[in-house]
Protein backbone atom coordinates (compact mmCIF):
# COMPACT_ATOMS: atom_id res chain seq x y z
CA MET A 1 0.00 0.00 0.00
CA VAL A 2 1.22 3.48 -0.85
CA ASN A 3 -0.07 6.27 1.37
CA GLY A 4 -2.87 3.96 2.53
CA THR A 5 -4.77 4.54 -0.71
CA GLU A 6 -2.80 2.95 -3.53
CA LEU A 7 -2.12 -0.71 -4.31
CA TYR A 8 0.21 -1.90 -7.06
CA ASP A 9 1.28 -5.23 -8.52
CA ILE A 10 4.98 -4.41 -8.48
CA GLU A 11 5.92 -7.56 -10.39
CA LYS A 12 3.83 -6.40 -13.37
CA ASP A 13 3.85 -2.64 -12.75
CA ARG A 14 7.27 -1.67 -11.37
CA MET A 15 6.71 2.01 -12.18
CA GLN A 16 3.53 2.00 -10.05
CA LEU A 17 1.38 3.52 -12.77
CA HIS A 18 -1.79 1.44 -12.31
CA ASN A 19 -3.48 1.77 -8.92
CA LEU A 20 -5.39 -1.45 -8.20
CA ALA A 21 -6.86 -0.45 -4.83
CA GLY A 22 -10.36 0.14 -6.21
CA LYS A 23 -10.41 -3.23 -7.94
CA HIS A 24 -9.19 -5.21 -4.92
CA PRO A 25 -10.78 -4.01 -1.66
CA GLU A 26 -10.42 -7.57 -0.34
CA ILE A 27 -6.64 -7.01 -0.36
CA VAL A 28 -6.66 -3.36 0.73
CA GLN A 29 -8.76 -3.74 3.88
CA PRO A 30 -6.59 -6.43 5.56
CA LEU A 31 -3.43 -4.47 4.69
CA LEU A 32 -4.84 -1.31 6.27
CA ALA A 33 -5.90 -3.26 9.36
CA ASP A 34 -2.45 -4.85 9.67
CA ASN A 35 -0.81 -1.45 9.27
CA ALA A 36 -3.03 0.08 11.97
CA ASP A 37 -2.12 -2.78 14.34
CA PHE A 38 1.57 -2.32 13.56
CA LEU A 39 1.45 1.44 14.19
CA LYS A 40 -0.41 0.93 17.45
CA GLU A 41 2.34 -1.45 18.60
CA VAL A 42 5.35 0.63 17.53
CA LYS A 43 3.95 3.84 19.00
CA THR A 44 4.36 2.25 22.43
CA ASN A 45 8.12 2.04 21.81
CA HIS A 46 9.92 5.06 23.26
CA GLU A 47 12.31 5.15 20.28
CA TYR A 48 9.39 5.82 17.93
CA ASN A 49 8.37 8.83 20.01
CA GLU A 50 11.94 10.15 20.03
CA PHE A 51 12.17 10.25 16.22
CA PRO A 52 12.12 13.95 15.26
CA THR A 53 8.72 15.05 14.01
CA ALA A 54 10.31 17.22 11.32
CA ILE A 55 11.94 14.15 9.79
CA LEU A 56 8.67 12.21 9.89
CA LEU A 57 6.89 15.04 8.07
CA LEU A 58 9.75 15.36 5.59
CA LEU A 59 9.67 11.63 4.89
CA GLU A 60 5.92 11.72 4.31
CA LYS A 61 6.07 14.83 2.10
CA ASN A 62 8.84 13.41 -0.08
CA TRP A 63 7.26 9.98 -0.28
CA LEU A 64 4.03 11.46 -1.60
CA SER A 65 5.91 13.22 -4.38
CA CYS A 66 7.82 10.11 -5.51
CA ARG A 67 6.45 7.40 -7.77
CA THR A 68 9.07 4.76 -7.00
CA LEU A 69 11.05 3.62 -4.00
CA LYS A 70 14.29 4.24 -5.89
CA ASN A 71 13.37 7.90 -6.44
CA TYR A 72 12.34 8.22 -2.81
CA LEU A 73 15.65 6.84 -1.56
CA PHE A 74 17.63 9.22 -3.77
CA ILE A 75 15.74 12.15 -2.25
CA ILE A 76 15.52 11.15 1.40
CA LEU A 77 18.77 9.33 2.23
CA PRO A 78 20.99 12.39 1.72
CA LEU A 79 18.63 14.38 3.96
CA ILE A 80 18.73 11.81 6.74
CA PHE A 81 22.49 11.29 6.69
CA LYS A 82 23.42 14.92 6.07
CA GLN A 83 26.15 15.97 8.50
């Protein structure tokens, strides 16, 4: 799932051009439920709460503007590891 609203078959659509979420709600709903459970669990970890909010927002903003993981990594990794 991308941004909780997009679903792609990355074996057939590596560029993530064809959102399948509307065609496959039976896949989307369990993924969203699993993600909600995961977030509930990790938010209890003190390390999650110590992660700077600005970085979380930056990650989200940049992820939304990228169409592929490769593009996302090229944008965000230099920002995270900037010294």
